[in-house]
């Protein structure tokens, strides 16, 4: 959670790819797609695949006012994807919201943005993936789009 998501970069041939570290600089693993099974290639990306799950998306920017309202509904083992615009100015998910999501039956949250209260989130029985952590709370004006 502390780092950014891995990125891929073209390698020497069309069938190769390189998994870069969070800074996008150092090749950490190289795999030939021609000699790998699809499942092994998928192992390189640390986001679980949930078949048949409902995916709900929110578009928020430095404001999580709509988030609590959504998380108070039953998640039905769904996954919430939040497009936070990649903002590194404040957190969108805090520990209490992660706990609420778990209590309401959400399976996971993916955030293109930051989280805070990382220890509390890690203690919850819910999968959370985010770009980074940030100590600042978000606005709560309810600005965003579902």
Protein backbone atom coordinates (compact mmCIF):
# COMPACT_ATOMS: atom_id res chain seq x y z
CA UNK A 1 0.00 0.00 0.00
CA UNK A 2 2.83 2.39 0.65
CA UNK A 3 4.04 2.37 -2.96
CA UNK A 4 2.51 2.97 -6.30
CA UNK A 5 1.15 0.20 -8.49
CA UNK A 6 3.67 -1.62 -10.66
CA UNK A 7 4.00 -0.45 -14.24
CA UNK A 8 5.02 -2.30 -17.38
CA UNK A 9 7.54 -1.15 -19.95
CA UNK A 10 8.35 -2.51 -23.37
CA UNK A 11 11.37 -4.80 -23.34
CA UNK A 12 13.71 -6.04 -26.06
CA UNK A 13 11.16 -8.07 -28.03
CA UNK A 14 7.43 -7.87 -28.62
CA UNK A 15 6.83 -10.91 -26.41
CA UNK A 16 8.74 -9.66 -23.36
CA UNK A 17 7.73 -7.25 -20.65
CA UNK A 18 9.50 -5.88 -17.62
CA UNK A 19 7.83 -5.30 -14.26
CA UNK A 20 9.21 -2.06 -12.84
CA UNK A 21 9.47 -0.98 -9.24
CA UNK A 22 7.09 1.68 -7.90
CA UNK A 23 9.34 4.47 -9.22
CA UNK A 24 9.24 2.94 -12.70
CA UNK A 25 13.02 2.70 -12.89
CA UNK A 26 14.51 -0.63 -11.89
CA UNK A 27 13.55 -3.87 -13.65
CA UNK A 28 12.68 -6.31 -10.87
CA UNK A 29 11.41 -9.27 -12.90
CA UNK A 30 11.49 -10.26 -16.55
CA UNK A 31 9.21 -12.88 -18.02
CA UNK A 32 8.84 -14.16 -21.58
CA UNK A 33 5.17 -14.25 -22.54
CA UNK A 34 5.89 -16.91 -25.17
CA UNK A 35 7.06 -19.39 -22.53
CA UNK A 36 4.62 -18.49 -19.71
CA UNK A 37 1.12 -19.58 -19.02
CA UNK A 38 -1.48 -16.84 -18.76
CA UNK A 39 -2.01 -17.60 -15.07
CA UNK A 40 1.70 -17.09 -14.35
CA UNK A 41 1.65 -13.74 -16.13
CA UNK A 42 -1.37 -12.72 -14.03
CA UNK A 43 0.56 -13.59 -10.85
CA UNK A 44 2.73 -10.56 -11.53
CA UNK A 45 -0.20 -8.19 -10.88
CA UNK A 46 -1.20 -8.28 -7.18
CA UNK A 47 -4.93 -7.55 -7.57
CA UNK A 48 -7.23 -10.56 -7.05
CA UNK A 49 -9.66 -11.49 -9.78
CA UNK A 50 -13.17 -12.01 -8.42
CA UNK A 51 -15.42 -13.76 -10.92
CA UNK A 52 -19.06 -12.75 -10.88
CA UNK A 53 -18.55 -9.87 -8.44
CA UNK A 54 -20.34 -6.56 -8.76
CA UNK A 55 -17.99 -3.64 -9.39
CA UNK A 56 -19.14 -0.17 -8.37
CA UNK A 57 -17.18 2.91 -9.43
CA UNK A 58 -16.93 6.36 -7.93
CA UNK A 59 -15.13 9.38 -9.33
CA UNK A 60 -13.92 11.59 -6.48
CA UNK A 61 -11.26 14.26 -6.17
CA UNK A 62 -10.00 15.13 -2.68
CA UNK A 63 -13.53 14.60 -1.33
CA UNK A 64 -15.05 11.42 0.10
CA UNK A 65 -18.50 12.74 1.06
CA UNK A 66 -20.26 10.35 -1.36
CA UNK A 67 -18.15 7.43 -0.21
CA UNK A 68 -19.73 6.93 3.23
CA UNK A 69 -23.22 7.03 1.70
CA UNK A 70 -22.26 4.30 -0.76
CA UNK A 71 -20.48 2.15 1.85
CA UNK A 72 -23.58 2.21 4.05
CA UNK A 73 -25.31 0.06 1.40
CA UNK A 74 -24.85 -3.71 1.23
CA UNK A 75 -21.77 -4.59 -0.79
CA UNK A 76 -22.85 -8.14 -1.74
CA UNK A 77 -19.16 -9.16 -1.95
CA UNK A 78 -18.61 -6.47 -4.57
CA UNK A 79 -15.56 -4.38 -5.27
CA UNK A 80 -15.50 -0.61 -5.10
CA UNK A 81 -13.21 1.13 -7.59
CA UNK A 82 -12.48 4.78 -6.80
CA UNK A 83 -11.03 7.07 -9.43
CA UNK A 84 -9.43 9.67 -7.22
CA UNK A 85 -7.62 11.24 -10.14
CA UNK A 86 -4.32 9.96 -8.71
CA UNK A 87 -4.33 12.82 -6.21
CA UNK A 88 -1.57 12.76 -3.62
CA UNK A 89 -3.00 15.73 -1.67
CA UNK A 90 -5.15 13.80 0.83
CA UNK A 91 -6.51 10.34 1.62
CA UNK A 92 -9.87 9.13 0.31
CA UNK A 93 -10.13 5.96 2.43
CA UNK A 94 -9.69 6.13 6.20
CA UNK A 95 -9.71 3.24 8.67
CA UNK A 96 -13.31 3.74 9.78
CA UNK A 97 -14.55 3.60 6.17
CA UNK A 98 -12.61 0.39 5.50
CA UNK A 99 -14.20 -1.16 8.60
CA UNK A 100 -17.66 0.04 7.47
CA UNK A 101 -17.06 -1.51 4.03
CA UNK A 102 -16.14 -4.83 5.61
CA UNK A 103 -19.17 -4.76 7.93
CA UNK A 104 -21.47 -4.07 4.96
CA UNK A 105 -20.13 -7.01 2.94
CA UNK A 106 -17.78 -5.33 0.46
CA UNK A 107 -14.95 -7.62 -0.70
CA UNK A 108 -12.45 -4.94 -1.64
CA UNK A 109 -11.61 -1.38 -2.56
CA UNK A 110 -9.21 -0.19 -5.27
CA UNK A 111 -8.23 3.48 -5.08
CA UNK A 112 -6.44 5.61 -7.66
CA UNK A 113 -5.42 7.89 -4.82
CA UNK A 114 -4.37 7.69 -1.18
CA UNK A 115 -5.47 6.05 2.05
CA UNK A 116 -4.66 6.85 5.67
CA UNK A 117 -4.83 4.85 8.91
CA UNK A 118 -2.90 2.08 7.15
CA UNK A 119 -2.58 -0.08 10.28
CA UNK A 120 -6.34 0.05 10.86
CA UNK A 121 -7.02 -0.81 7.22
CA UNK A 122 -4.59 -3.74 7.34
CA UNK A 123 -6.38 -5.02 10.45
CA UNK A 124 -9.71 -5.13 8.58
CA UNK A 125 -10.70 -8.28 6.74
CA UNK A 126 -11.07 -6.48 3.41
CA UNK A 127 -8.74 -6.11 0.45
CA UNK A 128 -7.65 -2.50 -0.12
CA UNK A 129 -5.24 -1.37 -2.85
CA UNK A 130 -4.21 2.26 -3.19
CA UNK A 131 -1.53 4.37 -4.83
CA UNK A 132 -0.03 5.61 -1.55
CA UNK A 133 -0.79 6.65 2.01
CA UNK A 134 -1.29 10.24 3.14
CA UNK A 135 -2.02 11.65 6.62
CA UNK A 136 -4.40 14.44 5.52
CA UNK A 137 -8.18 13.90 5.71
CA UNK A 138 -10.29 14.59 2.59
CA UNK A 139 -13.05 17.15 2.16
CA UNK A 140 -16.60 15.97 2.87
CA UNK A 141 -18.68 18.17 0.55
CA UNK A 142 -20.21 15.27 -1.37
CA UNK A 143 -18.67 16.29 -4.68
CA UNK A 144 -18.19 13.40 -7.07
CA UNK A 145 -19.86 11.04 -9.48
CA UNK A 146 -21.15 7.46 -9.22
